[in-house]
């Protein structure tokens, strides 16, 4: 499964046509992705046939949230559901760098019926493998998006393998630093089957570059050949 970041309905259509299986819709890609406006969510869901999962992240100042911010996130989840999105992408940590279980429980209760991805907040955890084990206890969490920790994804292959084992039924999705040069190796060495890409399929490989359908199609072909 290949998930592609989009910031507009047009990009979502381009991604679908070039081989994406799912869209992660965000705003403020330069900030690592924030919650998009509900109008954008509605237009994007209507623009494509593939699933659209929506980022729920009120700010880029880390992954700890106040009680008021959790309430804001819950309101955004409700709006995203009403817009017809397939799921939400979120992540919460506590002051010790572990999964903030209490906040996560509140968010998951609000997201009932939606597909939930715990995003790369897990890479900022004190122990990503322990975080994956914690997340395995929550049936509503379907996917963990991770590069195995900060830095280059190539350096974290053993961690991704341990995360896959610790996560149990939860699917670990490799993302963050995937390129045309390393995606086949990452796929083979980790045994993962879900992948997430953003800047590597943009022109200039920059956050402000346009989504490049040729780069995306080429990457999708590489991934397919690695998994035969």
Foldseek 3Di string as FASTA:
>chain_A
DEEEEDAALVQLLLLVVLDHQEYEYFPPVVLVGAFDDLVRLLSNVVSDDHAYEYEHHHHSPAAADDPVSLVVSLVSLLSNVVSPGQAYEGFHADPQQAGPVVSVVVNLVSNPPHQYEDEASLQSGPQSLVNLLVCLVDPSHAEYEYLQHPDASVVRLVSLLSSCVSNVRHAYEYEDHDELVCLLVSCVSNVHLHYYYYLRQFVVSDNPGRRHSVRSNSSSVSSVVSVD
